Amino acid sequence: MKYQPKLHIVLYQPEIPPNTGAVGRTCVALGAKLWLVRPLGFRMDEKALRRAGLDYWQHLDWEICDTWEHLEASLAPRKRTFFFSRFATRSYTTIAYKQADCLVFGSETTGLPKAITEPNSENLLRIPTESNVRSLNLASAVAVAGFEAARQIHLG
C-alpha cells in the first residue's frame, strides 16, 4: 500500500529559510507532507534551511510545485483544503479536521493572494491573537494549526 500523508502542509511562496526548515521539522512530527509553491525566497540547499530542520530533513516527505495550478493538479483528487489568513473571520478551531486535509499558509510578508483566498472564502481560517499582534510567525502558525488537526484526528 502506498504511503499516505496524515496531513498536507502547503507553504505558498515562503521567503525565510529557517521558517521553512522549522515547518519541515513540524511536518515530520505530524506525519505530514510539505508542499512548497514557487517562487521560493531561498535555495533548497541553503545552510539555514537545513540547520533549522536539523537531522529531520531526510525523513521529510516534500515536493516543490512551480505554480499554484501545479499544486492543485498534484493534490488531485481534491483534498479538503483550508487557507490561513489574518484577514479571515472564522477560527481554525471551528473545523472538524480529517486525515489527509490540506492546510495552506502564505508567505511571511504578504500572506496568501486574493486570487487564492477570494474563491476559497468558505475555507478561510485564522488563528486568533491579541490585537497588538499582527500575525504569528509562519512556523508557529503551522505548528498551532497542524497540531490542532493532529489532536482531532488522533495522530500518533
N, C-alpha and C. Protein backbone atom coordinates (compact mmCIF):
# COMPACT_ATOMS: atom_id res chain seq x y z
N MET A 1 0.84 -1.19 0.00
CA MET A 1 0.00 0.00 0.00
C MET A 1 0.88 1.24 0.00
N LYS A 2 0.54 2.20 -0.83
CA LYS A 2 1.30 3.43 -0.95
C LYS A 2 1.14 4.28 0.31
N TYR A 3 2.25 4.89 0.73
CA TYR A 3 2.23 5.80 1.88
C TYR A 3 1.26 6.95 1.63
N GLN A 4 0.44 7.24 2.61
CA GLN A 4 -0.49 8.37 2.54
C GLN A 4 -0.17 9.33 3.68
N PRO A 5 0.18 10.56 3.38
CA PRO A 5 0.44 11.53 4.44
C PRO A 5 -0.79 11.72 5.32
N LYS A 6 -0.56 11.95 6.60
CA LYS A 6 -1.67 12.18 7.52
C LYS A 6 -2.29 13.56 7.32
N LEU A 7 -1.46 14.50 6.89
CA LEU A 7 -1.89 15.86 6.56
C LEU A 7 -1.03 16.36 5.41
N HIS A 8 -1.48 17.43 4.77
CA HIS A 8 -0.69 18.12 3.76
C HIS A 8 -0.53 19.56 4.24
N ILE A 9 0.70 20.03 4.29
CA ILE A 9 1.00 21.40 4.67
C ILE A 9 1.58 22.10 3.45
N VAL A 10 0.98 23.21 3.05
CA VAL A 10 1.43 23.96 1.88
C VAL A 10 1.96 25.31 2.33
N LEU A 11 3.17 25.64 1.87
CA LEU A 11 3.73 26.98 2.04
C LEU A 11 3.75 27.63 0.67
N TYR A 12 2.95 28.68 0.51
CA TYR A 12 2.87 29.40 -0.74
C TYR A 12 3.93 30.49 -0.76
N GLN A 13 4.92 30.33 -1.60
CA GLN A 13 5.99 31.29 -1.80
C GLN A 13 6.69 31.70 -0.49
N PRO A 14 7.17 30.73 0.29
CA PRO A 14 7.88 31.09 1.53
C PRO A 14 9.17 31.84 1.23
N GLU A 15 9.56 32.70 2.16
CA GLU A 15 10.70 33.59 1.92
C GLU A 15 11.88 33.37 2.85
N ILE A 16 11.65 32.81 4.03
CA ILE A 16 12.67 32.75 5.06
C ILE A 16 13.09 31.31 5.32
N PRO A 17 14.34 30.95 5.00
CA PRO A 17 14.78 29.55 5.12
C PRO A 17 14.56 28.92 6.50
N PRO A 18 14.90 29.60 7.61
CA PRO A 18 14.68 28.95 8.91
C PRO A 18 13.22 28.63 9.20
N ASN A 19 12.29 29.46 8.70
CA ASN A 19 10.87 29.14 8.88
C ASN A 19 10.51 27.86 8.14
N THR A 20 10.96 27.74 6.91
CA THR A 20 10.66 26.53 6.13
C THR A 20 11.32 25.32 6.76
N GLY A 21 12.54 25.47 7.27
CA GLY A 21 13.19 24.37 7.95
C GLY A 21 12.42 23.92 9.18
N ALA A 22 11.95 24.89 9.96
CA ALA A 22 11.16 24.56 11.16
C ALA A 22 9.83 23.92 10.78
N VAL A 23 9.21 24.38 9.71
CA VAL A 23 7.96 23.77 9.23
C VAL A 23 8.23 22.34 8.78
N GLY A 24 9.36 22.12 8.13
CA GLY A 24 9.72 20.76 7.73
C GLY A 24 9.83 19.84 8.92
N ARG A 25 10.44 20.30 9.97
CA ARG A 25 10.57 19.51 11.21
C ARG A 25 9.19 19.21 11.79
N THR A 26 8.31 20.21 11.81
CA THR A 26 6.95 20.01 12.29
C THR A 26 6.22 18.98 11.43
N CYS A 27 6.41 19.04 10.12
CA CYS A 27 5.76 18.07 9.24
C CYS A 27 6.21 16.65 9.54
N VAL A 28 7.49 16.46 9.82
CA VAL A 28 7.97 15.13 10.20
C VAL A 28 7.27 14.67 11.47
N ALA A 29 7.14 15.57 12.44
CA ALA A 29 6.48 15.23 13.70
C ALA A 29 5.01 14.88 13.50
N LEU A 30 4.38 15.48 12.51
CA LEU A 30 2.95 15.26 12.25
C LEU A 30 2.68 14.11 11.28
N GLY A 31 3.70 13.64 10.58
CA GLY A 31 3.47 12.67 9.51
C GLY A 31 2.83 13.35 8.31
N ALA A 32 3.13 14.64 8.13
CA ALA A 32 2.54 15.44 7.06
C ALA A 32 3.50 15.59 5.90
N LYS A 33 2.95 15.76 4.71
CA LYS A 33 3.76 16.08 3.55
C LYS A 33 3.83 17.60 3.42
N LEU A 34 5.03 18.10 3.13
CA LEU A 34 5.24 19.53 2.93
C LEU A 34 5.27 19.83 1.44
N TRP A 35 4.44 20.77 1.04
CA TRP A 35 4.39 21.25 -0.34
C TRP A 35 4.88 22.69 -0.35
N LEU A 36 5.79 23.01 -1.25
CA LEU A 36 6.29 24.37 -1.41
C LEU A 36 5.93 24.85 -2.80
N VAL A 37 5.35 26.06 -2.87
CA VAL A 37 4.96 26.63 -4.15
C VAL A 37 5.90 27.78 -4.48
N ARG A 38 6.53 27.69 -5.65
CA ARG A 38 7.48 28.71 -6.10
C ARG A 38 6.79 30.01 -6.47
N PRO A 39 7.55 31.11 -6.46
CA PRO A 39 8.97 31.19 -6.19
C PRO A 39 9.27 31.12 -4.71
N LEU A 40 10.41 30.54 -4.38
CA LEU A 40 10.89 30.48 -3.01
C LEU A 40 11.87 31.62 -2.80
N GLY A 41 11.95 32.12 -1.60
CA GLY A 41 12.87 33.21 -1.29
C GLY A 41 14.26 32.72 -0.93
N PHE A 42 14.60 31.49 -1.30
CA PHE A 42 15.87 30.88 -0.94
C PHE A 42 16.11 29.67 -1.83
N ARG A 43 17.31 29.16 -1.78
CA ARG A 43 17.63 27.91 -2.47
C ARG A 43 17.44 26.77 -1.47
N MET A 44 17.01 25.63 -1.96
CA MET A 44 16.73 24.50 -1.06
C MET A 44 17.98 23.94 -0.39
N ASP A 45 19.15 24.27 -0.87
CA ASP A 45 20.36 23.78 -0.24
C ASP A 45 20.95 24.77 0.76
N GLU A 46 20.23 25.84 1.06
CA GLU A 46 20.75 26.84 1.98
C GLU A 46 20.99 26.25 3.36
N LYS A 47 22.12 26.62 3.93
CA LYS A 47 22.53 26.12 5.23
C LYS A 47 21.49 26.42 6.31
N ALA A 48 20.90 27.60 6.26
CA ALA A 48 19.91 27.99 7.27
C ALA A 48 18.68 27.08 7.24
N LEU A 49 18.29 26.67 6.05
CA LEU A 49 17.14 25.76 5.91
C LEU A 49 17.46 24.43 6.55
N ARG A 50 18.60 23.87 6.23
CA ARG A 50 19.00 22.57 6.78
C ARG A 50 19.20 22.65 8.28
N ARG A 51 19.82 23.72 8.75
CA ARG A 51 20.08 23.86 10.19
C ARG A 51 18.78 23.90 10.98
N ALA A 52 17.79 24.61 10.45
CA ALA A 52 16.50 24.70 11.16
C ALA A 52 15.82 23.35 11.23
N GLY A 53 16.01 22.51 10.20
CA GLY A 53 15.42 21.18 10.21
C GLY A 53 16.29 20.15 10.88
N LEU A 54 17.51 20.55 11.23
CA LEU A 54 18.50 19.68 11.86
C LEU A 54 18.59 18.35 11.14
N ASP A 55 18.52 17.27 11.87
CA ASP A 55 18.69 15.96 11.24
C ASP A 55 17.35 15.34 10.84
N TYR A 56 16.30 16.13 10.73
CA TYR A 56 14.98 15.62 10.39
C TYR A 56 14.70 15.66 8.89
N TRP A 57 15.43 16.48 8.17
CA TRP A 57 15.09 16.75 6.77
C TRP A 57 15.06 15.47 5.93
N GLN A 58 15.93 14.52 6.21
CA GLN A 58 15.95 13.29 5.41
C GLN A 58 14.70 12.44 5.64
N HIS A 59 13.94 12.72 6.69
CA HIS A 59 12.70 11.98 6.97
C HIS A 59 11.46 12.69 6.41
N LEU A 60 11.67 13.85 5.84
CA LEU A 60 10.55 14.68 5.38
C LEU A 60 10.08 14.26 3.99
N ASP A 61 8.77 14.10 3.85
CA ASP A 61 8.13 13.90 2.55
C ASP A 61 7.80 15.31 2.03
N TRP A 62 8.44 15.73 0.96
CA TRP A 62 8.23 17.09 0.47
C TRP A 62 8.27 17.13 -1.05
N GLU A 63 7.64 18.18 -1.58
CA GLU A 63 7.60 18.39 -3.02
C GLU A 63 7.51 19.88 -3.31
N ILE A 64 8.13 20.29 -4.39
CA ILE A 64 8.05 21.68 -4.84
C ILE A 64 7.18 21.74 -6.09
N CYS A 65 6.27 22.71 -6.12
CA CYS A 65 5.42 22.95 -7.29
C CYS A 65 5.79 24.31 -7.88
N ASP A 66 5.83 24.36 -9.19
CA ASP A 66 6.21 25.61 -9.85
C ASP A 66 5.13 26.68 -9.78
N THR A 67 3.86 26.26 -9.72
CA THR A 67 2.75 27.21 -9.70
C THR A 67 1.64 26.69 -8.79
N TRP A 68 0.70 27.56 -8.47
CA TRP A 68 -0.47 27.17 -7.69
C TRP A 68 -1.27 26.10 -8.45
N GLU A 69 -1.39 26.27 -9.75
CA GLU A 69 -2.14 25.31 -10.57
C GLU A 69 -1.47 23.94 -10.55
N HIS A 70 -0.15 23.93 -10.57
CA HIS A 70 0.59 22.66 -10.47
C HIS A 70 0.30 21.99 -9.13
N LEU A 71 0.26 22.76 -8.07
CA LEU A 71 -0.07 22.20 -6.74
C LEU A 71 -1.46 21.59 -6.76
N GLU A 72 -2.43 22.33 -7.27
CA GLU A 72 -3.81 21.82 -7.31
C GLU A 72 -3.90 20.51 -8.09
N ALA A 73 -3.22 20.44 -9.20
CA ALA A 73 -3.23 19.21 -10.00
C ALA A 73 -2.54 18.07 -9.25
N SER A 74 -1.48 18.39 -8.52
CA SER A 74 -0.74 17.37 -7.77
C SER A 74 -1.54 16.83 -6.60
N LEU A 75 -2.43 17.64 -6.04
CA LEU A 75 -3.24 17.21 -4.90
C LEU A 75 -4.54 16.52 -5.33
N ALA A 76 -4.76 16.41 -6.63
CA ALA A 76 -5.98 15.74 -7.11
C ALA A 76 -5.87 14.25 -6.84
N PRO A 77 -6.92 13.54 -6.48
CA PRO A 77 -8.26 14.10 -6.29
C PRO A 77 -8.27 15.07 -5.11
N ARG A 78 -9.01 16.09 -5.29
CA ARG A 78 -9.01 17.24 -4.37
C ARG A 78 -9.15 16.82 -2.91
N LYS A 79 -8.22 17.28 -2.12
CA LYS A 79 -8.28 17.11 -0.67
C LYS A 79 -9.10 18.27 -0.11
N ARG A 80 -9.61 18.07 1.11
CA ARG A 80 -10.23 19.21 1.79
C ARG A 80 -9.11 20.18 2.10
N THR A 81 -9.31 21.43 1.72
CA THR A 81 -8.24 22.42 1.84
C THR A 81 -8.72 23.60 2.66
N PHE A 82 -7.87 24.02 3.60
CA PHE A 82 -8.15 25.17 4.44
C PHE A 82 -7.01 26.17 4.28
N PHE A 83 -7.38 27.44 4.19
CA PHE A 83 -6.45 28.52 3.89
C PHE A 83 -6.34 29.45 5.10
N PHE A 84 -5.13 29.73 5.52
CA PHE A 84 -4.92 30.53 6.72
C PHE A 84 -4.56 31.96 6.36
N SER A 85 -5.29 32.90 6.98
CA SER A 85 -5.09 34.32 6.72
C SER A 85 -5.45 35.13 7.95
N ARG A 86 -4.68 36.17 8.22
CA ARG A 86 -5.01 37.04 9.35
C ARG A 86 -6.29 37.84 9.07
N PHE A 87 -6.75 37.85 7.83
CA PHE A 87 -7.96 38.59 7.47
C PHE A 87 -9.22 37.74 7.56
N ALA A 88 -9.07 36.46 7.81
CA ALA A 88 -10.24 35.58 7.93
C ALA A 88 -11.01 35.91 9.21
N THR A 89 -12.27 35.56 9.24
CA THR A 89 -13.08 35.80 10.43
C THR A 89 -13.36 34.51 11.19
N ARG A 90 -13.21 33.38 10.55
CA ARG A 90 -13.51 32.08 11.16
C ARG A 90 -12.26 31.49 11.81
N SER A 91 -12.39 31.06 13.05
CA SER A 91 -11.25 30.49 13.78
C SER A 91 -10.92 29.08 13.29
N TYR A 92 -9.66 28.75 13.31
CA TYR A 92 -9.20 27.42 12.92
C TYR A 92 -9.75 26.34 13.84
N THR A 93 -10.20 26.69 15.02
CA THR A 93 -10.73 25.70 15.97
C THR A 93 -12.17 25.31 15.68
N THR A 94 -12.81 25.96 14.72
CA THR A 94 -14.20 25.62 14.38
C THR A 94 -14.30 24.47 13.38
N ILE A 95 -13.18 23.98 12.91
CA ILE A 95 -13.15 22.93 11.88
C ILE A 95 -13.03 21.56 12.53
N ALA A 96 -13.74 20.60 11.99
CA ALA A 96 -13.54 19.19 12.36
C ALA A 96 -12.59 18.61 11.32
N TYR A 97 -11.32 18.59 11.64
CA TYR A 97 -10.29 18.14 10.69
C TYR A 97 -10.37 16.64 10.46
N LYS A 98 -9.95 16.23 9.26
CA LYS A 98 -9.92 14.82 8.87
C LYS A 98 -8.54 14.48 8.32
N GLN A 99 -8.22 13.21 8.39
CA GLN A 99 -6.94 12.76 7.82
C GLN A 99 -6.86 13.15 6.35
N ALA A 100 -5.69 13.58 5.93
CA ALA A 100 -5.37 14.00 4.56
C ALA A 100 -5.84 15.41 4.23
N ASP A 101 -6.36 16.16 5.22
CA ASP A 101 -6.69 17.56 4.97
C ASP A 101 -5.43 18.32 4.57
N CYS A 102 -5.64 19.41 3.86
CA CYS A 102 -4.55 20.25 3.38
C CYS A 102 -4.68 21.62 4.04
N LEU A 103 -3.59 22.08 4.67
CA LEU A 103 -3.55 23.38 5.34
C LEU A 103 -2.59 24.27 4.56
N VAL A 104 -3.07 25.42 4.09
CA VAL A 104 -2.30 26.29 3.21
C VAL A 104 -1.96 27.59 3.93
N PHE A 105 -0.68 27.97 3.86
CA PHE A 105 -0.17 29.18 4.51
C PHE A 105 0.57 30.02 3.48
N GLY A 106 0.41 31.34 3.58
CA GLY A 106 1.06 32.25 2.64
C GLY A 106 2.46 32.64 3.08
N SER A 107 3.08 33.48 2.27
CA SER A 107 4.44 33.92 2.55
C SER A 107 4.48 34.78 3.81
N GLU A 108 5.66 34.90 4.36
CA GLU A 108 5.85 35.64 5.61
C GLU A 108 5.48 37.11 5.50
N THR A 109 5.72 37.74 4.37
CA THR A 109 5.47 39.18 4.27
C THR A 109 4.13 39.55 3.64
N THR A 110 3.61 38.71 2.75
CA THR A 110 2.37 39.10 2.06
C THR A 110 1.21 38.14 2.27
N GLY A 111 1.43 37.01 2.89
CA GLY A 111 0.35 36.06 3.09
C GLY A 111 -0.10 35.45 1.78
N LEU A 112 -1.36 35.04 1.73
CA LEU A 112 -1.92 34.46 0.51
C LEU A 112 -2.54 35.55 -0.35
N PRO A 113 -2.39 35.47 -1.66
CA PRO A 113 -3.00 36.50 -2.53
C PRO A 113 -4.52 36.33 -2.61
N LYS A 114 -5.18 37.42 -2.94
CA LYS A 114 -6.65 37.39 -3.09
C LYS A 114 -7.09 36.41 -4.16
N ALA A 115 -6.25 36.17 -5.17
CA ALA A 115 -6.60 35.21 -6.22
C ALA A 115 -6.79 33.81 -5.65
N ILE A 116 -6.21 33.54 -4.50
CA ILE A 116 -6.39 32.25 -3.83
C ILE A 116 -7.45 32.34 -2.74
N THR A 117 -7.42 33.41 -1.94
CA THR A 117 -8.35 33.48 -0.80
C THR A 117 -9.79 33.76 -1.21
N GLU A 118 -10.00 34.63 -2.18
CA GLU A 118 -11.38 35.00 -2.54
C GLU A 118 -12.21 33.82 -3.04
N PRO A 119 -11.70 32.98 -3.95
CA PRO A 119 -12.53 31.85 -4.39
C PRO A 119 -12.66 30.76 -3.33
N ASN A 120 -11.89 30.85 -2.27
CA ASN A 120 -11.91 29.84 -1.22
C ASN A 120 -12.35 30.42 0.12
N SER A 121 -13.15 31.48 0.07
CA SER A 121 -13.51 32.20 1.29
C SER A 121 -14.23 31.33 2.32
N GLU A 122 -14.96 30.29 1.87
CA GLU A 122 -15.67 29.42 2.81
C GLU A 122 -14.71 28.55 3.62
N ASN A 123 -13.46 28.43 3.16
CA ASN A 123 -12.46 27.63 3.88
C ASN A 123 -11.30 28.48 4.38
N LEU A 124 -11.56 29.76 4.58
CA LEU A 124 -10.54 30.69 5.05
C LEU A 124 -10.58 30.75 6.58
N LEU A 125 -9.42 30.50 7.20
CA LEU A 125 -9.34 30.42 8.66
C LEU A 125 -8.28 31.35 9.22
N ARG A 126 -8.44 31.67 10.49
CA ARG A 126 -7.44 32.49 11.18
C ARG A 126 -7.12 31.87 12.52
N ILE A 127 -5.94 32.21 13.01
CA ILE A 127 -5.53 31.85 14.36
C ILE A 127 -5.67 33.13 15.17
N PRO A 128 -6.63 33.19 16.08
CA PRO A 128 -6.86 34.44 16.82
C PRO A 128 -5.65 34.83 17.67
N THR A 129 -5.36 36.11 17.68
CA THR A 129 -4.30 36.67 18.53
C THR A 129 -4.81 37.97 19.15
N GLU A 130 -4.10 38.45 20.13
CA GLU A 130 -4.42 39.75 20.70
C GLU A 130 -4.26 40.82 19.61
N SER A 131 -4.96 41.91 19.73
CA SER A 131 -4.99 42.93 18.68
C SER A 131 -3.64 43.60 18.43
N ASN A 132 -2.73 43.57 19.40
CA ASN A 132 -1.44 44.22 19.18
C ASN A 132 -0.44 43.32 18.44
N VAL A 133 -0.88 42.11 18.07
CA VAL A 133 -0.04 41.21 17.27
C VAL A 133 -0.68 41.07 15.90
N ARG A 134 0.04 41.47 14.87
CA ARG A 134 -0.48 41.43 13.50
C ARG A 134 -0.72 39.99 13.05
N SER A 135 0.28 39.12 13.30
CA SER A 135 0.15 37.72 12.91
C SER A 135 1.24 36.92 13.60
N LEU A 136 1.10 35.61 13.58
CA LEU A 136 2.12 34.73 14.13
C LEU A 136 3.22 34.49 13.10
N ASN A 137 4.39 34.10 13.58
CA ASN A 137 5.45 33.64 12.72
C ASN A 137 4.92 32.45 11.92
N LEU A 138 5.34 32.30 10.68
CA LEU A 138 4.85 31.23 9.81
C LEU A 138 5.04 29.86 10.44
N ALA A 139 6.22 29.58 10.96
CA ALA A 139 6.46 28.26 11.56
C ALA A 139 5.56 28.03 12.77
N SER A 140 5.33 29.08 13.55
CA SER A 140 4.44 28.95 14.72
C SER A 140 3.00 28.69 14.28
N ALA A 141 2.55 29.39 13.25
CA ALA A 141 1.19 29.21 12.76
C ALA A 141 0.97 27.78 12.24
N VAL A 142 1.95 27.26 11.51
CA VAL A 142 1.83 25.88 11.01
C VAL A 142 1.77 24.91 12.18
N ALA A 143 2.59 25.13 13.20
CA ALA A 143 2.58 24.23 14.36
C ALA A 143 1.24 24.29 15.09
N VAL A 144 0.72 25.48 15.32
CA VAL A 144 -0.56 25.63 16.02
C VAL A 144 -1.66 24.89 15.26
N ALA A 145 -1.80 25.19 13.98
CA ALA A 145 -2.88 24.58 13.19
C ALA A 145 -2.64 23.09 12.97
N GLY A 146 -1.42 22.73 12.67
CA GLY A 146 -1.11 21.32 12.40
C GLY A 146 -1.36 20.43 13.60
N PHE A 147 -0.95 20.88 14.78
CA PHE A 147 -1.16 20.04 15.95
C PHE A 147 -2.61 20.03 16.42
N GLU A 148 -3.38 21.07 16.12
CA GLU A 148 -4.82 21.01 16.39
C GLU A 148 -5.47 19.97 15.48
N ALA A 149 -5.10 19.98 14.21
CA ALA A 149 -5.64 18.95 13.30
C ALA A 149 -5.22 17.57 13.77
N ALA A 150 -3.97 17.40 14.16
CA ALA A 150 -3.47 16.11 14.64
C ALA A 150 -4.22 15.66 15.90
N ARG A 151 -4.46 16.60 16.80
CA ARG A 151 -5.19 16.24 18.03
C ARG A 151 -6.58 15.71 17.69
N GLN A 152 -7.24 16.37 16.77
CA GLN A 152 -8.59 15.97 16.42
C GLN A 152 -8.66 14.62 15.71
N ILE A 153 -7.67 14.33 14.89
CA ILE A 153 -7.72 13.08 14.14
C ILE A 153 -6.85 12.00 14.77
N HIS A 154 -6.42 12.29 15.98
CA HIS A 154 -5.73 11.29 16.80
C HIS A 154 -4.46 10.75 16.16
N LEU A 155 -3.61 11.64 15.69
CA LEU A 155 -2.33 11.20 15.13
C LEU A 155 -1.39 10.82 16.25
N GLY A 156 -0.66 9.76 16.02
CA GLY A 156 0.37 9.34 16.99
C GLY A 156 -0.28 8.72 18.16
